[in-house]
Amino acid sequence: MQLLDFLIAPAYAQQGGPAQGQSLLVTVFPFILMIPLFYFMLIRPQMRRSKETRQMLGTLAKGDEIITTGGLAGRIAGIGEVYLTVEIANGVEVKVQKSAITSVLPKGTLKTL
């Protein structure tokens, strides 16, 4: 037994009075503090981002230059309810879901089309 004492420290019982309980407020306070923290750090910025995305998708028009989530850049040739027709080169058009649009570029950014 003495051989392993250098690896494991011996534990001694503590003497003391009866166990004291913490108040309910001290126990619940960290959770109460975390609710507003989660709201301002996670939920509110995500709501703002989704609102900006909905607004951007609602204002898309024919001729806008866009970038998709896959990195495809092109000019909108046609707009449907769910899909857009995007011209990525002269005479080359692809159909893309509206939800795949990440950003709208300023006019004249894609000069090669």
Protein backbone atom coordinates (compact mmCIF):
# COMPACT_ATOMS: atom_id res chain seq x y z
CA MET A 1 0.00 0.00 0.00
CA GLN A 2 2.87 2.37 0.82
CA LEU A 3 4.24 1.74 -2.63
CA LEU A 4 1.49 3.68 -4.48
CA ASP A 5 1.18 6.59 -2.06
CA PHE A 6 3.27 8.80 -4.30
CA LEU A 7 0.71 8.37 -7.12
CA ILE A 8 -2.51 8.71 -5.18
CA ALA A 9 -2.81 11.19 -2.34
CA PRO A 10 -4.53 9.79 0.75
CA ALA A 11 -8.02 11.18 1.43
CA TYR A 12 -8.92 12.24 4.93
CA ALA A 13 -12.39 12.79 6.30
CA GLN A 14 -13.25 16.35 7.22
CA GLN A 15 -14.76 17.27 10.51
CA GLY A 16 -17.55 19.71 10.40
CA GLY A 17 -21.05 20.53 11.39
CA PRO A 18 -24.24 19.70 9.58
CA ALA A 19 -24.33 20.32 5.81
CA GLN A 20 -25.54 23.77 4.85
CA GLY A 21 -27.87 24.10 1.87
CA GLN A 22 -27.57 26.92 -0.62
CA SER A 23 -30.45 29.25 -1.15
CA LEU A 24 -32.66 28.76 -4.19
CA LEU A 25 -31.63 32.13 -5.65
CA VAL A 26 -27.93 31.22 -5.62
CA THR A 27 -28.71 27.93 -7.35
CA VAL A 28 -31.02 29.36 -10.03
CA PHE A 29 -29.18 32.67 -10.63
CA PRO A 30 -26.79 31.34 -13.32
CA PHE A 31 -29.72 29.96 -15.32
CA ILE A 32 -31.63 33.22 -15.02
CA LEU A 33 -28.53 35.06 -16.25
CA MET A 34 -28.10 32.72 -19.24
CA ILE A 35 -31.57 33.34 -20.74
CA PRO A 36 -30.95 36.99 -21.76
CA LEU A 37 -27.41 36.09 -22.76
CA PHE A 38 -28.66 33.43 -25.18
CA TYR A 39 -31.29 35.81 -26.53
CA PHE A 40 -28.86 38.65 -27.30
CA MET A 41 -25.95 36.48 -28.43
CA LEU A 42 -27.73 33.78 -30.46
CA ILE A 43 -31.44 34.24 -31.12
CA ARG A 44 -31.64 37.96 -31.93
CA PRO A 45 -28.77 38.02 -34.49
CA GLN A 46 -30.18 34.94 -36.22
CA MET A 47 -33.63 36.56 -36.46
CA ARG A 48 -32.06 39.70 -37.93
CA ARG A 49 -30.10 37.67 -40.51
CA SER A 50 -33.17 35.70 -41.59
CA LYS A 51 -35.17 38.92 -41.93
CA GLU A 52 -32.45 40.45 -44.14
CA THR A 53 -32.36 37.29 -46.27
CA ARG A 54 -36.16 37.27 -46.73
CA GLN A 55 -36.06 40.94 -47.70
CA MET A 56 -33.22 40.34 -50.20
CA LEU A 57 -35.06 37.41 -51.80
CA GLY A 58 -38.25 39.47 -52.02
CA THR A 59 -36.56 42.29 -53.91
CA LEU A 60 -34.84 40.16 -56.57
CA ALA A 61 -35.51 41.39 -60.09
CA LYS A 62 -34.59 40.38 -63.62
CA GLY A 63 -31.10 41.62 -64.46
CA ASP A 64 -29.77 41.51 -60.88
CA GLU A 65 -26.32 39.99 -60.50
CA ILE A 66 -26.16 37.32 -57.81
CA ILE A 67 -23.94 34.74 -56.13
CA THR A 68 -25.28 31.35 -55.00
CA THR A 69 -24.24 29.20 -52.06
CA GLY A 70 -22.22 27.04 -54.44
CA GLY A 71 -20.22 30.04 -55.65
CA LEU A 72 -22.02 30.35 -58.98
CA ALA A 73 -22.16 33.96 -60.15
CA GLY A 74 -24.55 35.18 -62.82
CA ARG A 75 -27.34 37.49 -63.90
CA ILE A 76 -31.02 36.70 -63.29
CA ALA A 77 -32.77 35.93 -66.59
CA GLY A 78 -36.13 34.81 -65.21
CA ILE A 79 -37.95 34.63 -61.89
CA GLY A 80 -40.47 32.03 -60.71
CA GLU A 81 -42.07 31.30 -57.36
CA VAL A 82 -39.35 28.93 -56.15
CA TYR A 83 -36.73 28.90 -58.91
CA LEU A 84 -34.66 31.50 -60.74
CA THR A 85 -33.12 31.20 -64.17
CA VAL A 86 -29.56 32.47 -63.94
CA GLU A 87 -27.43 33.28 -66.96
CA ILE A 88 -23.86 32.30 -66.10
CA ALA A 89 -22.39 32.92 -69.58
CA ASN A 90 -23.68 34.08 -72.96
CA GLY A 91 -26.42 31.59 -73.86
CA VAL A 92 -25.84 29.39 -70.78
CA GLU A 93 -28.70 29.42 -68.28
CA VAL A 94 -29.24 27.31 -65.18
CA LYS A 95 -32.17 26.97 -62.80
CA VAL A 96 -31.41 27.72 -59.16
CA GLN A 97 -33.60 27.71 -56.06
CA LYS A 98 -34.25 31.15 -54.59
CA SER A 99 -33.06 29.92 -51.20
CA ALA A 100 -29.60 29.23 -52.70
CA ILE A 101 -28.95 32.94 -53.29
CA THR A 102 -26.45 34.31 -50.78
CA SER A 103 -25.91 37.86 -52.02
CA VAL A 104 -26.86 40.37 -54.67
CA LEU A 105 -23.92 42.09 -56.35
CA PRO A 106 -23.85 45.74 -57.39
CA LYS A 107 -24.87 46.37 -61.01
CA GLY A 108 -21.98 46.02 -63.46
CA THR A 109 -19.90 43.70 -61.32
CA LEU A 110 -20.11 40.85 -63.84
CA LYS A 111 -19.01 42.49 -67.08
CA THR A 112 -18.21 39.31 -68.97
CA LEU A 113 -21.85 38.30 -69.52
